[in-house]
Amino acid sequence: MKRVFLIILFVVSTVGVVRAVNCNGNDDCNKLQDEINELSREVSIRSEANEKNADEMRSLQAKVKSLQAQISAAEKELNELEDDLVIREEMAVVQYKVLSVKTREFYKSLRGKSILSFLFSSLEAGEISRNLAYRSQTQDQDRQIILQMSKEIIEIESDKVDLEKRKGYLSSLSSQLDKDAKFLEGEVAGVSEYIGSLEGKIVALSTKQQSILSEKAGTFQTTVGDVPLADDPNSRPDYNPGFSPAFAAFSFGAPHYKGMSQYGAFGRAKSGQSAEDILRAYYGGGIEIKKDYSTGINITVSGYGTVDIETYTKRIYEMPGSWGDEGGMEALKAQAVAARSYALARTNNGALPICATEACQVYKPSNKGGNWDAAVDATRGWVLQAGGQPFSAWYASTSGGYQESYSHNGHSTPGFWDTANSGNNGRDGWTSQAYEKIGESPWFYKGWYKTRSGDGCGLSHPWLTSEEMADILNAWVVLYQGGGDSSRVTPESSCWGGNPYSKGDLQALGGYSSISGVSVQYANNGVTANVTFQTNKGPKTITGTEFKKAFNLRAPGRIALKSGLFNIEQKLK
C-alpha cells in the first residue's frame, strides 16, 4: 500500500494601486499630498497583500483539511496493519516452536535409518518402497515448512521497519502542515495588526506633522501680484548670524515650478523676447496660440457674478503693471494670454464657475487698468490650445531656474533649465544666466524663516548652529532608519506644541552631535540630488528629498525649505 502526500508551497505577490489626488494643478499641494498619502499607500498595499494572504490561507486550510483526512485514513490503515503484525507475530511464535520441532525431526530423520538398512531389512519390496516414499515426502514437507516460516519471519521484520518509517513520515507531514498553517495564520494576523497600527499612526500621528509640513512647505500658494516685492536682508546668504560655524537652507524658487515663471517671463521680456516667444518657451513649441478665440464667452466668478472673458481677464491681479515700464510689456501680454487660457480651461468655456482667490486666479471686481489693460487689449482673443480645447496654462512667481513638465489635453510642456544659455538643456546657464535672475526675483534664492504674515516664531534669520544642523540629521535617522518615535520629530519651539524630542534625546538616537561642513549635488531634472555632511561620525550623504522632509519637520520655528531644488550655505569662520 502506497500513498502520495503533496505539500503545496506558494508565493503571494501583490500589486498596489494608488489613486492620485487631484490638486487642481497646485504643485505644492501635490507634493504635500505625496507626504500625506505615504502611510495610506502602504496601508492599501498591505491590505491587498493581506487579503490575498487570507485567501491563500483559506485555500491552504482546505488543503490541510483534505490532507489531514488522508493522513487519518492512512493512520487507520497503519493501525490495522500494526494489529495484523501483532497477530502475525503471535502466530509466528507458535510457528517458530513448530518449526523448531520440525527442524529437529528433519535433521533427526536425516540421521536415522539409511536407505541400505531398508533394502537389507526383512520387509517386502512394496513396503520398503512405501517407506522410502513417505520418508522423502515428509522430508520435503518439513523443508517447505521451514522455508515458508523463515520467509514469514523475515517479512514480519521488514513490515515492522516499513511501518515505523511510514508512521514517522506521517507524523512529520502532519507536523509540517500544522506548522505551515499556523505560520500563515500568524502572517495574516501580523499584517492585520500592522495595518491597524499604520491606520492608527495615520490618524494619531500624521495630523501634527502634516500641519507642520503644510505650513512650512505650502505657506506661499501665491504669485507675484499677491505679496510685497521687497526682499528681507536677513534671508540673504550674506547675512551674518553672529556665530560660526553656521548653516542655512536656501530654496531656489517658490511656490511651484510648472508652466510659466512670471519672473522668468519678465527676464525674457527684458532680454528682447516677444509674448509669443515667452509662451512657446514655457508651454512648448507645439502649443497652438489661437488669436481669434470667441470673446463673447461669459465667466462666472464665485461671489462676484458673471462677466465676459475679456473683462474677467482685465480684473486679474497676478502681475505688476509696473513691469510694463521696466521692459516687461511682453511679459504682461504673455500673462494675459495665460490667465485667459487658464480660465477658459478651468471653467470648460464658461460652463463652470471659477474661484476668485489664489487657488484659481486672483480676481477683483474692478479692472486693474494701466499697462495690464493694455496687455489684455493687445492680446484680445488670444488663447493657448491643445487638442482643439483651451490649454490649462499654469504659472507661478519663481521656479528657481528649472521648469517642470506637466500635461493637459494631450499636450506636455517642456522640462528645462530656464536660462539664456541653451547648453545641456539650459543647465550650463544656471544660475548666472537664469531668466529669473535677470528678472531680479527676490525668491530666486532665499532662506525662508517667516510666515506670510511675518511671524518668525521668535527667530530673526534662517541660520542654524552646528548642533542644530546635527539635530536635523538625527531627525533624519529616526524618520528613515527607525529606532525612535517618528511622530515626535517636530520643532522644539512652543509655536508648534506637541511632544517633540529634545536635542539630547535625538542625539542619543542618531548619534550626530556636530556638523563641520556640507556640500550638495544637483540632478539634471531640477532637484537637489544629495546632501553630504561632514560630521563627528565622518561623512554622511542623504538624498535631497529625505533631507527636505526631515528639515521641514524638525527645523526650529518657521524655518523651511520651499523647493526640492535647494542649497545649504555655510559660514565656517
Foldseek 3Di string as FASTA:
>chain_A
DDDDDDDDDDDQDFDFDDDQDDLPPQVLVNVLVCVLCVLVSVLRRLVRSLVVLVVVLVVLVVSLVVVVVVLVVVVVVLVVVVVVLVVLVVVLVVLVVVLVVLVVVLVVLVVDDDLVCLVPDPDDPVVSVVVVVVSVVSNVVSVVSNVVSVVSVVVSVVVVVVSVVVVVVSVVVNVVSVVVSVVSVVVSVVSVVVSVVSVVCSVPQVVLLSVLSCQQQPQDLAADLPADQDFDPQFDLPDDPPDPFKKFWKAADDAAFAFAALLLLLLVLLVPDALVRRNCQRAHPPKDWFQAADQQQWAQEVPAGIDTLLQFLQQFRHDDLCSVVVRNLRSLLNVSQLLSLQRCVVCVSRVRHDYCDSSRTPGDNHGPDDSNNVSSVVRPRIFIDALRGRDNGDYHHGNLQWHAWDDDNHGITDTAGQFPDPPLRRVVRPPVGHSSVSSVRSRRITWDQAGSVGDNLPDDHRMDHFQLVLLLVLLLCCVPVNDDDNSQLAEPRPVSDDRHDDSVRSCVRRVFGGWQDKWWDPDSRQATAWIWTQTPVGIDIDGLVSSQSSCSRYPHGSGHHNDRHITMRTDHD
